[in-house]
Protein backbone atom coordinates (compact mmCIF):
# COMPACT_ATOMS: atom_id res chain seq x y z
CA MET A 1 0.00 0.00 0.00
CA ARG A 2 1.31 3.38 -0.94
CA THR A 3 1.12 6.25 1.57
CA THR A 4 0.71 9.83 0.47
CA GLU A 5 1.86 12.88 2.40
CA SER A 6 -1.75 13.71 3.36
CA ASP A 7 -2.25 10.16 4.72
CA ALA A 8 0.73 10.60 7.03
CA GLU A 9 -0.95 13.62 8.66
CA ILE A 10 -4.08 11.72 9.72
CA PRO A 11 -3.88 10.78 13.42
CA SER A 12 -4.09 7.04 14.02
CA ARG A 13 -5.50 7.29 17.56
CA PRO A 14 -8.73 9.13 18.58
CA GLN A 15 -6.95 11.00 21.40
CA ASP A 16 -4.65 12.54 18.76
CA LEU A 17 -7.68 14.36 17.34
CA ARG A 18 -8.07 16.50 20.48
CA ARG A 19 -7.51 20.21 19.99
CA SER A 20 -6.34 20.70 23.56
CA LYS A 21 -5.28 18.69 26.59
CA ARG A 22 -8.07 17.32 28.80
CA VAL A 23 -7.83 17.80 32.56
CA VAL A 24 -9.98 16.12 35.22
CA LEU A 25 -11.11 19.13 37.23
CA VAL A 26 -14.19 19.95 39.30
CA VAL A 27 -15.19 23.60 38.95
CA PRO A 28 -18.51 24.93 40.29
CA LEU A 29 -20.38 26.98 37.69
CA GLU A 30 -23.69 28.64 37.12
CA ALA A 31 -25.37 27.67 33.86
CA THR A 32 -27.92 30.01 32.28
CA TRP A 33 -30.10 29.49 29.23
CA VAL A 34 -33.41 30.51 27.72
CA SER A 35 -36.25 27.97 27.69
CA ILE A 36 -38.54 27.31 24.73
CA GLU A 37 -41.09 29.55 26.45
CA GLY A 38 -38.54 32.38 26.57
CA LYS A 39 -37.88 32.12 30.33
CA ARG A 40 -34.32 32.66 31.53
CA LEU A 41 -33.31 29.59 33.57
CA ARG A 42 -30.35 29.15 35.95
CA GLU A 43 -28.87 26.10 37.53
CA GLN A 44 -25.76 25.13 39.42
CA ALA A 45 -23.39 22.90 37.46
CA ARG A 46 -19.91 21.49 37.90
CA THR A 47 -17.26 20.39 35.50
CA GLU A 48 -15.89 16.86 35.47
CA VAL A 49 -13.35 17.16 32.65
CA VAL A 50 -12.20 20.38 30.98
CA ASN A 51 -10.00 21.57 28.14
CA ALA A 52 -9.49 24.86 26.36
CA HIS A 53 -12.30 24.12 23.92
CA GLY A 54 -15.00 22.68 26.16
CA ALA A 55 -15.97 20.53 29.10
CA LEU A 56 -18.04 17.70 30.43
CA LEU A 57 -20.55 19.18 32.90
CA ARG A 58 -22.97 17.68 35.38
CA MET A 59 -26.26 19.31 36.44
CA GLN A 60 -29.53 18.24 38.06
CA SER A 61 -31.47 19.77 35.17
CA LYS A 62 -34.99 18.51 34.57
CA GLN A 63 -35.59 21.29 32.08
CA PHE A 64 -35.34 21.20 28.31
CA VAL A 65 -31.74 20.69 27.24
CA PRO A 66 -30.57 23.95 25.69
CA ILE A 67 -28.66 24.30 22.44
CA THR A 68 -26.60 27.20 23.78
CA ILE A 69 -25.75 27.84 27.39
CA GLU A 70 -23.88 30.57 29.26
CA LEU A 71 -21.40 29.36 31.84
CA HIS A 72 -20.25 31.60 34.67
CA ASN A 73 -17.37 30.82 37.01
CA PHE A 74 -17.76 33.12 40.02
CA GLN A 75 -14.29 32.30 41.40
CA ALA A 76 -12.51 33.16 38.15
CA GLN A 77 -15.01 35.97 37.49
CA GLU A 78 -15.35 34.87 33.90
CA SER A 79 -18.25 33.85 31.65
CA CYS A 80 -18.46 32.19 28.27
CA TRP A 81 -21.14 30.98 25.87
CA ALA A 82 -21.05 27.33 24.87
CA ARG A 83 -22.87 24.98 22.54
CA VAL A 84 -24.28 21.74 23.96
CA VAL A 85 -22.95 18.98 21.69
CA CYS A 86 -24.45 16.01 23.54
CA PHE A 87 -26.07 15.00 26.81
CA ARG A 88 -27.08 11.90 28.73
CA ALA A 89 -28.92 11.04 31.93
CA VAL A 90 -26.69 9.55 34.62
CA GLU A 91 -27.13 8.30 38.18
CA ASN A 92 -28.85 10.37 40.89
CA ARG A 93 -31.17 11.98 38.33
CA SER A 94 -28.40 14.20 37.04
CA VAL A 95 -27.47 14.96 33.45
CA GLN A 96 -24.03 15.15 31.84
CA PHE A 97 -23.55 17.75 29.11
CA ALA A 98 -20.63 17.93 26.72
CA VAL A 99 -20.15 21.55 25.70
CA GLU A 100 -17.97 23.32 23.16
CA LEU A 101 -16.95 26.86 24.15
CA ALA A 102 -17.69 29.72 21.77
CA ARG A 103 -14.06 30.81 22.26
CA PRO A 104 -11.26 28.64 23.67
CA SER A 105 -10.37 29.48 27.26
CA GLY A 106 -8.23 28.01 30.02
CA THR A 107 -9.00 30.84 32.40
CA LEU A 108 -12.74 30.05 32.52
CA TRP A 109 -11.79 26.96 34.49
CA GLY A 110 -9.49 28.94 36.80
CA LEU A 111 -6.36 27.55 35.16
CA ASP A 112 -3.37 29.70 34.39
CA TYR A 113 -1.45 27.68 31.84
CA SER A 114 -1.48 27.12 28.13
CA PHE A 115 -3.41 24.31 26.44
CA ASP A 116 -1.04 24.38 23.47
CA GLN A 117 -0.59 20.65 23.04
CA ALA A 118 -3.29 18.04 22.93
CA SER A 119 -3.01 14.72 24.71
């Protein structure tokens, strides 16, 4: 089999496709979104895994799962909009949300280092 230059650039492992390094980190957040009825909803959330481009969150939400959500970290005094890319119900009637940030950020999670290299 012949390999082209473009074939050599394709990562062979899924973790090589990451845009930034994942870190297991629990950060308390407030999540805000607008319901179908136009009501502004708020709920406490926490991260489970973060990176510069998104996070895996856990909430007790029983509301409609939003498409976009605003995340606010009171400790870091920073907010960011994010897109919900998937969700699933987990134990204790909570929901996990995978979110992609509207703009990459390490500081939203209270981290002060670069996410330059994926792993």
